[in-house]
Protein backbone atom coordinates (compact mmCIF):
# COMPACT_ATOMS: atom_id res chain seq x y z
CA UNK A 1 17.72 -4.66 7.64
CA UNK A 2 15.52 -2.28 9.62
CA UNK A 3 14.90 1.16 8.14
CA UNK A 4 11.69 2.07 9.99
CA UNK A 5 10.06 1.18 13.30
CA UNK A 6 6.27 1.23 13.58
CA UNK A 7 5.11 1.63 17.17
CA UNK A 8 1.55 0.82 18.19
CA UNK A 9 1.60 3.29 21.07
CA UNK A 10 -2.05 2.47 21.64
CA UNK A 11 -4.35 -0.21 20.27
CA UNK A 12 -7.31 1.91 21.30
CA UNK A 13 -9.18 4.37 19.11
CA UNK A 14 -12.03 6.79 19.71
CA UNK A 15 -13.33 6.26 16.17
CA UNK A 16 -15.09 3.25 14.69
CA UNK A 17 -14.36 3.69 11.01
CA UNK A 18 -16.21 1.40 8.66
CA UNK A 19 -12.98 0.62 6.77
CA UNK A 20 -11.13 -0.54 9.92
CA UNK A 21 -11.56 -4.09 11.29
CA UNK A 22 -13.87 -4.45 14.27
CA UNK A 23 -11.31 -6.88 15.75
CA UNK A 24 -8.51 -4.31 15.89
CA UNK A 25 -7.10 -3.89 19.37
CA UNK A 26 -9.20 -6.65 20.90
CA UNK A 27 -6.36 -9.12 21.57
CA UNK A 28 -3.85 -6.62 22.97
CA UNK A 29 -6.10 -3.77 24.17
CA UNK A 30 -3.73 -1.43 25.94
CA UNK A 31 -1.01 1.19 25.51
CA UNK A 32 2.73 0.71 25.04
CA UNK A 33 4.70 1.45 28.23
CA UNK A 34 7.27 4.23 28.11
CA UNK A 35 9.94 1.82 29.35
CA UNK A 36 9.46 -0.41 26.28
CA UNK A 37 9.65 2.56 23.91
CA UNK A 38 12.91 3.65 25.53
CA UNK A 39 14.37 0.14 25.17
CA UNK A 40 13.53 0.05 21.46
CA UNK A 41 14.77 3.58 20.75
CA UNK A 42 17.97 3.05 22.74
CA UNK A 43 18.84 -0.02 20.68
CA UNK A 44 18.03 1.67 17.37
CA UNK A 45 20.11 4.71 18.39
CA UNK A 46 23.11 2.68 19.51
CA UNK A 47 26.30 3.02 17.40
CA UNK A 48 26.50 -0.78 17.54
CA UNK A 49 23.16 -1.16 15.72
CA UNK A 50 24.00 -2.34 12.17
CA UNK A 51 21.53 -0.13 10.27
CA UNK A 52 20.38 3.47 10.33
CA UNK A 53 16.73 3.74 11.34
CA UNK A 54 15.35 6.62 9.29
CA UNK A 55 11.78 6.79 10.55
CA UNK A 56 9.28 6.03 13.30
CA UNK A 57 5.55 5.66 12.69
CA UNK A 58 3.90 6.33 16.04
CA UNK A 59 0.29 5.94 14.91
CA UNK A 60 0.52 2.24 14.06
CA UNK A 61 -2.80 0.35 14.43
CA UNK A 62 -4.46 2.76 16.86
CA UNK A 63 -4.61 6.36 18.05
CA UNK A 64 -1.25 7.23 19.60
CA UNK A 65 -2.70 10.26 21.36
CA UNK A 66 -4.54 7.96 23.77
CA UNK A 67 -1.21 6.93 25.25
CA UNK A 68 -0.73 9.08 28.36
CA UNK A 69 3.00 9.30 27.62
CA UNK A 70 2.52 10.46 24.01
CA UNK A 71 4.51 13.70 24.26
CA UNK A 72 7.19 12.18 26.47
CA UNK A 73 7.67 9.41 23.90
CA UNK A 74 8.04 11.94 21.07
CA UNK A 75 10.56 13.92 23.11
CA UNK A 76 12.58 10.79 23.81
CA UNK A 77 12.74 9.85 20.13
CA UNK A 78 13.76 13.43 19.29
CA UNK A 79 16.50 13.46 21.93
CA UNK A 80 17.95 10.09 21.04
CA UNK A 81 17.50 10.14 17.26
CA UNK A 82 17.15 13.78 16.17
CA UNK A 83 17.51 13.06 12.44
CA UNK A 84 14.86 10.32 12.31
CA UNK A 85 11.53 11.24 10.75
CA UNK A 86 8.44 10.79 12.94
CA UNK A 87 5.12 10.14 11.20
CA UNK A 88 1.67 10.29 12.78
CA UNK A 89 -1.78 9.34 11.51
CA UNK A 90 -4.57 10.56 13.80
CA UNK A 91 -8.23 11.52 13.66
CA UNK A 92 -7.59 14.68 15.77
CA UNK A 93 -10.44 13.83 18.16
CA UNK A 94 -8.03 13.68 21.12
CA UNK A 95 -5.75 16.50 19.98
CA UNK A 96 -5.29 19.41 22.40
CA UNK A 97 -3.79 22.93 22.29
CA UNK A 98 -0.98 21.65 24.53
CA UNK A 99 -0.10 18.97 21.97
CA UNK A 100 -0.14 21.58 19.17
CA UNK A 101 2.25 23.84 21.06
CA UNK A 102 4.67 21.05 21.99
CA UNK A 103 4.69 19.42 18.55
CA UNK A 104 5.24 22.69 16.71
CA UNK A 105 7.65 24.48 19.03
CA UNK A 106 9.76 21.40 19.75
CA UNK A 107 9.58 19.89 16.26
CA UNK A 108 8.43 16.52 17.56
CA UNK A 109 6.64 15.27 14.42
CA UNK A 110 7.77 15.36 10.80
CA UNK A 111 4.46 14.68 9.03
CA UNK A 112 0.79 14.32 10.02
CA UNK A 113 -2.07 12.60 8.17
CA UNK A 114 -5.75 12.97 9.01
CA UNK A 115 -8.85 11.54 7.34
CA UNK A 116 -11.87 13.71 6.59
CA UNK A 117 -14.28 11.16 5.19
CA UNK A 118 -17.39 13.24 4.63
CA UNK A 119 -18.28 16.80 3.69
CA UNK A 120 -20.75 17.42 6.54
CA UNK A 121 -21.62 16.03 9.96
CA UNK A 122 -24.00 13.39 8.61
CA UNK A 123 -21.61 11.89 6.08
CA UNK A 124 -18.51 12.17 8.31
CA UNK A 125 -20.12 10.71 11.41
CA UNK A 126 -21.75 7.86 9.47
CA UNK A 127 -18.26 6.79 8.39
CA UNK A 128 -16.22 7.40 11.56
CA UNK A 129 -18.68 7.70 14.46
CA UNK A 130 -16.89 10.79 15.71
CA UNK A 131 -18.22 14.35 16.21
CA UNK A 132 -17.05 16.40 13.24
CA UNK A 133 -17.28 19.70 15.14
CA UNK A 134 -14.74 18.53 17.73
CA UNK A 135 -12.34 17.19 15.09
CA UNK A 136 -12.49 20.42 13.08
CA UNK A 137 -11.97 22.57 16.18
CA UNK A 138 -8.83 20.64 17.11
CA UNK A 139 -7.54 20.56 13.54
CA UNK A 140 -8.10 24.28 13.01
CA UNK A 141 -6.37 25.03 16.31
CA UNK A 142 -3.27 23.20 15.12
CA UNK A 143 -3.27 24.86 11.69
CA UNK A 144 -3.82 28.33 13.17
CA UNK A 145 -0.87 27.97 15.52
CA UNK A 146 1.25 26.50 12.72
CA UNK A 147 0.69 29.64 10.66
CA UNK A 148 1.25 31.96 13.60
CA UNK A 149 4.59 30.33 14.39
CA UNK A 150 5.44 29.95 10.70
CA UNK A 151 6.53 26.36 11.28
CA UNK A 152 6.01 24.03 8.37
CA UNK A 153 5.16 20.59 9.75
CA UNK A 154 3.31 19.09 6.76
CA UNK A 155 -0.26 17.92 7.20
CA UNK A 156 -2.31 16.19 4.52
CA UNK A 157 -5.93 15.09 4.37
CA UNK A 158 -7.07 11.69 3.08
CA UNK A 159 -10.66 11.27 1.95
CA UNK A 160 -12.69 8.03 1.94
CA UNK A 161 -16.44 8.69 2.18
CA UNK A 162 -18.80 5.88 3.10
CA UNK A 163 -20.50 5.88 -0.30
CA UNK A 164 -17.19 5.33 -2.06
CA UNK A 165 -16.12 2.58 0.32
CA UNK A 166 -19.43 0.75 -0.14
CA UNK A 167 -18.97 0.92 -3.92
CA UNK A 168 -15.49 -0.57 -3.76
CA UNK A 169 -16.39 -3.36 -1.33
CA UNK A 170 -19.45 -4.39 -3.31
CA UNK A 171 -17.42 -4.48 -6.46
CA UNK A 172 -14.49 -6.43 -4.99
CA UNK A 173 -16.31 -8.90 -2.75
CA UNK A 174 -19.90 -8.95 -4.00
CA UNK A 175 -21.16 -8.08 -0.51
CA UNK A 176 -21.57 -4.85 1.46
CA UNK A 177 -19.03 -3.89 4.13
CA UNK A 178 -19.04 -6.12 7.19
CA UNK A 179 -19.78 -3.21 9.54
CA UNK A 180 -22.71 -2.01 7.45
CA UNK A 181 -26.10 -3.06 8.81
CA UNK A 182 -29.60 -2.69 7.41
CA UNK A 183 -30.14 0.30 9.71
CA UNK A 184 -26.92 2.08 8.73
CA UNK A 185 -27.46 5.45 7.10
CA UNK A 186 -25.37 5.97 3.96
CA UNK A 187 -25.34 9.72 3.29
CA UNK A 188 -23.94 10.58 -0.12
CA UNK A 189 -20.60 12.35 -0.18
CA UNK A 190 -17.73 12.67 -2.61
CA UNK A 191 -14.12 13.77 -2.79
CA UNK A 192 -15.18 16.94 -4.60
CA UNK A 193 -17.71 17.79 -1.92
CA UNK A 194 -15.15 17.27 0.85
CA UNK A 195 -12.63 19.52 -0.88
CA UNK A 196 -15.28 22.18 -1.51
CA UNK A 197 -16.38 22.09 2.14
CA UNK A 198 -12.99 22.05 3.89
CA UNK A 199 -10.35 23.48 1.56
CA UNK A 200 -11.45 27.11 2.19
CA UNK A 201 -11.57 26.37 5.92
CA UNK A 202 -8.21 24.62 6.27
CA UNK A 203 -6.28 26.63 3.72
CA UNK A 204 -4.63 26.25 0.34
CA UNK A 205 -1.47 24.88 1.94
CA UNK A 206 -3.28 21.72 3.08
CA UNK A 207 -3.36 19.04 0.32
CA UNK A 208 -6.29 16.65 -0.09
CA UNK A 209 -5.85 13.14 -1.51
CA UNK A 210 -8.21 10.33 -2.42
CA UNK A 211 -7.63 7.40 -0.07
CA UNK A 212 -7.30 4.07 -1.86
CA UNK A 213 -8.26 1.46 0.76
CA UNK A 214 -7.64 -2.23 0.94
CA UNK A 215 -10.11 -4.73 2.32
CA UNK A 216 -8.57 -5.67 5.67
CA UNK A 217 -11.93 -5.00 7.35
CA UNK A 218 -13.62 -7.41 4.94
CA UNK A 219 -11.66 -10.61 5.60
CA UNK A 220 -14.91 -12.42 6.47
CA UNK A 221 -15.84 -12.10 2.78
CA UNK A 222 -12.78 -14.16 1.80
CA UNK A 223 -12.66 -17.96 1.98
CA UNK A 224 -9.23 -18.89 3.44
CA UNK A 225 -9.41 -22.21 1.56
CA UNK A 226 -9.73 -20.38 -1.76
CA UNK A 227 -6.60 -20.38 -3.92
CA UNK A 228 -5.13 -16.89 -3.54
CA UNK A 229 -1.65 -17.64 -4.82
CA UNK A 230 -2.15 -15.21 -7.71
CA UNK A 231 -2.15 -12.27 -5.28
CA UNK A 232 1.09 -10.62 -4.13
CA UNK A 233 1.81 -9.66 -0.54
CA UNK A 234 1.50 -5.89 -0.87
CA UNK A 235 3.52 -5.31 2.28
CA UNK A 236 6.41 -7.68 1.56
CA UNK A 237 8.91 -4.86 1.06
CA UNK A 238 7.89 -3.27 4.34
CA UNK A 239 8.01 -6.59 6.20
CA UNK A 240 11.60 -7.02 5.02
CA UNK A 241 12.75 -3.54 6.12
CA UNK A 242 10.42 -2.41 8.92
CA UNK A 243 9.53 -3.52 12.44
CA UNK A 244 5.90 -3.53 13.60
CA UNK A 245 5.65 -3.50 17.39
CA UNK A 246 2.44 -4.08 19.36
CA UNK A 247 1.79 -2.44 22.75
CA UNK A 248 2.85 -5.59 24.62
CA UNK A 249 6.20 -5.71 22.80
CA UNK A 250 5.45 -8.37 20.19
CA UNK A 251 7.06 -7.82 16.78
CA UNK A 252 4.23 -8.80 14.45
CA UNK A 253 3.96 -9.35 10.71
CA UNK A 254 2.69 -5.99 9.44
CA UNK A 255 0.07 -3.29 9.86
CA UNK A 256 -2.56 -5.44 8.07
CA UNK A 257 -2.39 -7.97 10.93
CA UNK A 258 -4.79 -5.96 13.06
CA UNK A 259 -4.92 -8.53 15.88
CA UNK A 260 -1.13 -9.00 15.87
CA UNK A 261 -1.54 -12.76 15.48
CA UNK A 262 1.66 -13.54 13.56
CA UNK A 263 4.53 -12.72 15.90
CA UNK A 264 8.27 -13.40 15.85
CA UNK A 265 9.38 -12.50 19.36
CA UNK A 266 8.82 -10.04 22.18
CA UNK A 267 11.05 -6.99 22.61
CA UNK A 268 10.65 -7.00 26.36
CA UNK A 269 12.69 -10.20 26.28
CA UNK A 270 14.79 -9.92 23.12
CA UNK A 271 16.58 -7.26 21.11
CA UNK A 272 15.49 -5.86 17.75
CA UNK A 273 18.42 -7.62 16.14
CA UNK A 274 17.58 -10.99 17.69
CA UNK A 275 13.97 -10.86 16.48
CA UNK A 276 15.03 -9.53 13.07
CA UNK A 277 17.30 -12.55 12.60
CA UNK A 278 14.85 -15.10 14.05
CA UNK A 279 13.91 -18.19 12.08
CA UNK A 280 10.19 -17.37 12.43
CA UNK A 281 10.57 -14.01 10.71
CA UNK A 282 12.82 -15.28 7.94
CA UNK A 283 10.52 -18.26 7.32
CA UNK A 284 7.50 -15.96 6.99
CA UNK A 285 9.30 -13.81 4.42
CA UNK A 286 10.19 -16.87 2.35
CA UNK A 287 6.59 -18.14 2.44
CA UNK A 288 5.28 -14.73 1.42
CA UNK A 289 7.68 -14.60 -1.52
CA UNK A 290 6.45 -18.06 -2.58
CA UNK A 291 2.78 -17.04 -2.09
CA UNK A 292 2.29 -19.89 0.40
CA UNK A 293 -0.48 -18.07 2.24
CA UNK A 294 -2.38 -21.13 3.43
CA UNK A 295 0.76 -22.46 5.10
CA UNK A 296 1.07 -19.20 7.02
CA UNK A 297 -2.55 -19.10 8.18
CA UNK A 298 -4.76 -16.18 9.13
CA UNK A 299 -4.65 -13.31 8.30
CA UNK A 300 -2.30 -14.04 5.39
CA UNK A 301 -4.63 -16.81 4.25
CA UNK A 302 -7.05 -14.01 3.28
CA UNK A 303 -4.45 -12.05 1.28
CA UNK A 304 -7.14 -11.12 -1.23
CA UNK A 305 -8.38 -8.66 1.41
CA UNK A 306 -4.94 -7.02 1.51
CA UNK A 307 -5.19 -5.82 -2.09
CA UNK A 308 -5.94 -2.19 -2.91
CA UNK A 309 -9.58 -1.68 -3.84
CA UNK A 310 -8.97 0.72 -6.71
CA UNK A 311 -11.31 0.42 -9.66
CA UNK A 312 -8.65 1.85 -11.94
CA UNK A 313 -6.18 -0.88 -10.96
CA UNK A 314 -8.62 -3.68 -11.77
CA UNK A 315 -7.75 -5.13 -15.20
CA UNK A 316 -11.11 -6.88 -15.45
CA UNK A 317 -13.27 -3.78 -15.09
CA UNK A 318 -15.85 -3.05 -17.72
CA UNK A 319 -17.47 0.24 -18.59
CA UNK A 320 -17.77 2.48 -15.52
CA UNK A 321 -21.49 3.09 -15.96
CA UNK A 322 -22.04 -0.67 -16.22
CA UNK A 323 -20.28 -1.39 -12.96
CA UNK A 324 -22.05 1.45 -11.11
CA UNK A 325 -25.43 0.06 -12.20
CA UNK A 326 -24.38 -3.41 -10.99
CA UNK A 327 -23.31 -1.99 -7.65
CA UNK A 328 -26.58 -0.18 -7.20
CA UNK A 329 -28.61 -3.31 -7.95
CA UNK A 330 -26.44 -5.41 -5.62
CA UNK A 331 -26.74 -2.90 -2.80
CA UNK A 332 -30.51 -2.70 -3.07
CA UNK A 333 -30.70 -6.50 -2.93
CA UNK A 334 -29.16 -6.35 0.53
CA UNK A 335 -30.75 -3.12 1.79
CA UNK A 336 -33.91 -2.43 -0.21
CA UNK A 337 -35.04 0.31 2.19
CA UNK A 338 -31.83 2.31 1.81
CA UNK A 339 -31.62 4.88 -0.95
CA UNK A 340 -28.07 5.26 -2.19
CA UNK A 341 -27.82 7.57 -5.18
CA UNK A 342 -24.84 7.17 -7.47
CA UNK A 343 -24.00 10.21 -9.53
CA UNK A 344 -21.18 11.66 -11.58
CA UNK A 345 -19.62 12.81 -8.32
CA UNK A 346 -18.78 9.21 -7.47
CA UNK A 347 -16.38 9.16 -10.37
CA UNK A 348 -14.17 11.60 -8.45
CA UNK A 349 -13.22 8.71 -6.20
CA UNK A 350 -11.60 6.59 -8.86
CA UNK A 351 -8.30 8.39 -8.42
CA UNK A 352 -6.55 11.72 -8.13
CA UNK A 353 -5.94 14.37 -5.54
CA UNK A 354 -6.57 18.08 -5.06
């Protein structure tokens, strides 16, 4: 069945986050045409379609706002499927007052997620390579209008500072993040510092949550010939009930397949139902259930990188102070000129929200 459709309206992004793969958007580097979106929505909205599609994710594997037809696409989904939820993840760098007004007054989006991955310009920009002042200006413009209009479109903030990500990658893979170079600055930041800096600015009605990443940007640290059959496919349930559509119309495996390499059929040529029932898709699901990752090939052959990098979820962890000392020594082995101070604030990142 199909309960949700994830549309990669754009494979482009203005950010270069350290926790996102550098290969994302390289194979299919363009935006989804409006005509393709209409074809998909029309089929999902048809009374003949066998399932009720409850949701659309329009920020799949890129920044949807870079699609020149962004608002027109939202309006079409709203007109054709008014009860479906529409979810958006964006960095707010390309947000405009016009988008705020349309989204709020027309009710085009059901829920918005944004990452604020540092408590000041240095820590934020080291992580995302975006100007914090521009992001905050756009974000505050949206929140101000939301309060003026008294329209409750929920927005939540996820937090994943560079220092925390480095800790998790070192601990999971024994190497620093693939995008981190010897010249990369690693300003210290923490969940508590981000909340303290931005909660008063954004308001008490904006929740902050610790982001628990997985290692999809670190697949180069995983040997595809290594036995990984002990790991589950974390997205199996979503693969069974959701469609992931690239800008060129390919239905691909899931959001962790950043290059959209595993595909089942193209929706310019086939219907959702035809691709859903295709032998290629059903065969992939069976192989995932049997943990036959090598038979599938890349990226599933590096399924270890698809696991959540949460220290709390690791059954083999030792004392927290022990592992922080190990991380610090390991990091200095790679980058002896970089001073990365671990403190009690790092513990904030092991779980929780504010």
